[in-house]
């Protein structure tokens, strides 16, 4: 039972599923009622999830709101849930974006409304479950559960090539998942052989001391699954197809939350389970992240389709997340987690904005626009704010995340920091060029002259995002203080066990120094 006196994580996880079951009893032809009930459920879910933020104790580094019930005792599987300062914000991001996704689907989705809303609520349960699960089998179940509704959202409500995109998304994710499952089973038996306790409990598995070779093999399996999900270069090829063919809300939730499950997987599972392998992988992951940052930006610059441009920009932005994470210092990891939230907010908003203009013009080609700011000033204002957030203008959320990541990267390896900084410049170039071509200049297409500006529902959808952009940009401490201790604990634990593994394997010659200044904990690995 959690500190709130009732199972809050179970409530937050399964409330959307209960809502989906409720929708089953509403007739298919009551479309307006279906939408309203789905929206109310998502709003209630968001409000309930806020209790996690309010009750979260920022002075505790470990897991909070823990719920643990034996599930399959014979196999050592438990229904084990808990969150720390890292997963807290990803849950809030999920519940926040789901409300906006349902609101944005009001007129965009015209067929099978009931099935669409059920799929979205079912997907929300899968995403939150993956963020709170602390048992590897429980996590794997939620990880796989997410695939089904996302496959349906792309495959049923997507564009002309939706079947191809849905199958490609499914196969890529499944291929990585199977390898991860094999590694989970291997870890289960290795832990059982070493301790006599066969369990999938993540916190117990953290403590098993594996040889470096075994760590490298299993880290590779986990890393491949998560790298596909991020997606990291060169595993990103499924992403543009999925984004382009998915309906607007599908793209928002895919970019906003599902991709974060890949980066979250690294920080919650791959790195702490196999710390020595993670440290050995620093050069590989950092170089792939840098290639992703620069490649994603350059390819974005060459796109003639707005949605494809935003999709490729995700490859670049998530490269920053991986670069910061593998800097293995407080600034880098905090920036990485913050950038996950930023990307969910700003790129989610970009997909909403692209979807709004697509509903009016039924085209996403940049060449079909131009001069829209003359006929759609409100739309242009929101578009400009979100664009500035995406290019990390100071005062917006994007700046805080990228600044911390580059700071962390420079401290670890100045060369990584320099190459990473080029991504910021390229990002500004392709985003501002896109904005200029769409919004400014003469109106060349007569269809654009009669375009209507945003309606009240669309404004209500975008206002919360703009508030978050400035709130996170101007008052980052409000968010960072909740995750600070969890990040420090993560780094201390990972570096300590890395040191222990290296020493035990005879590759010593280094030591871990813990320095405490006030409430700050600084960890340094010193080569002897």
Foldseek 3Di string as FASTA:
>chain_A
DFPVPDQLLVCLLCLLLVLLVVLVPDDQVPLVVLLVSLLVSLVVSLVSLVVCVVPFDLVDQDWGSWDWDCDPVVQAFIQIWTAALLLSVLLNLLSLLLSLLSLLCSPLFDPRSSLLSSLSSQLNSLLSQLSTGQFVVSNLVSLVSNLVSLLCQQQPRWDPCSPVLSVLLNVQLVVLSVLLVVLLVVLQVQLCVVPVDRHRRNVSLLPDQDALVNLLSNLVSLLSNLCLQLPFPPNPVSQLSSQRTGALSSNLCSFQRRSVSSLVSCLRPSCSNRVQNLLVCLVVLLVRLLCQLVVLLVVLLPDQFQRSSLRSNSSNLSSLLSLLCSLLFLLSPLLSSLSSNLRSLLSSVSSSLLNVVCVQVVGRGLQQAAQLCVAAVVSLVLLVLSLCSSLQDQLWSNVSSNVSNLVSNCVRPVVSSVSSVVSSVSSNVRSVVSSNSHHHDDGPDPSSNPDHYDDPSSCVSRVVSSVNGNCCRPPVVSSSSSCSSNSQVSSVSSVVSSQVNCVVVVVHQWDWDWDDDPPDIGIDIGGD
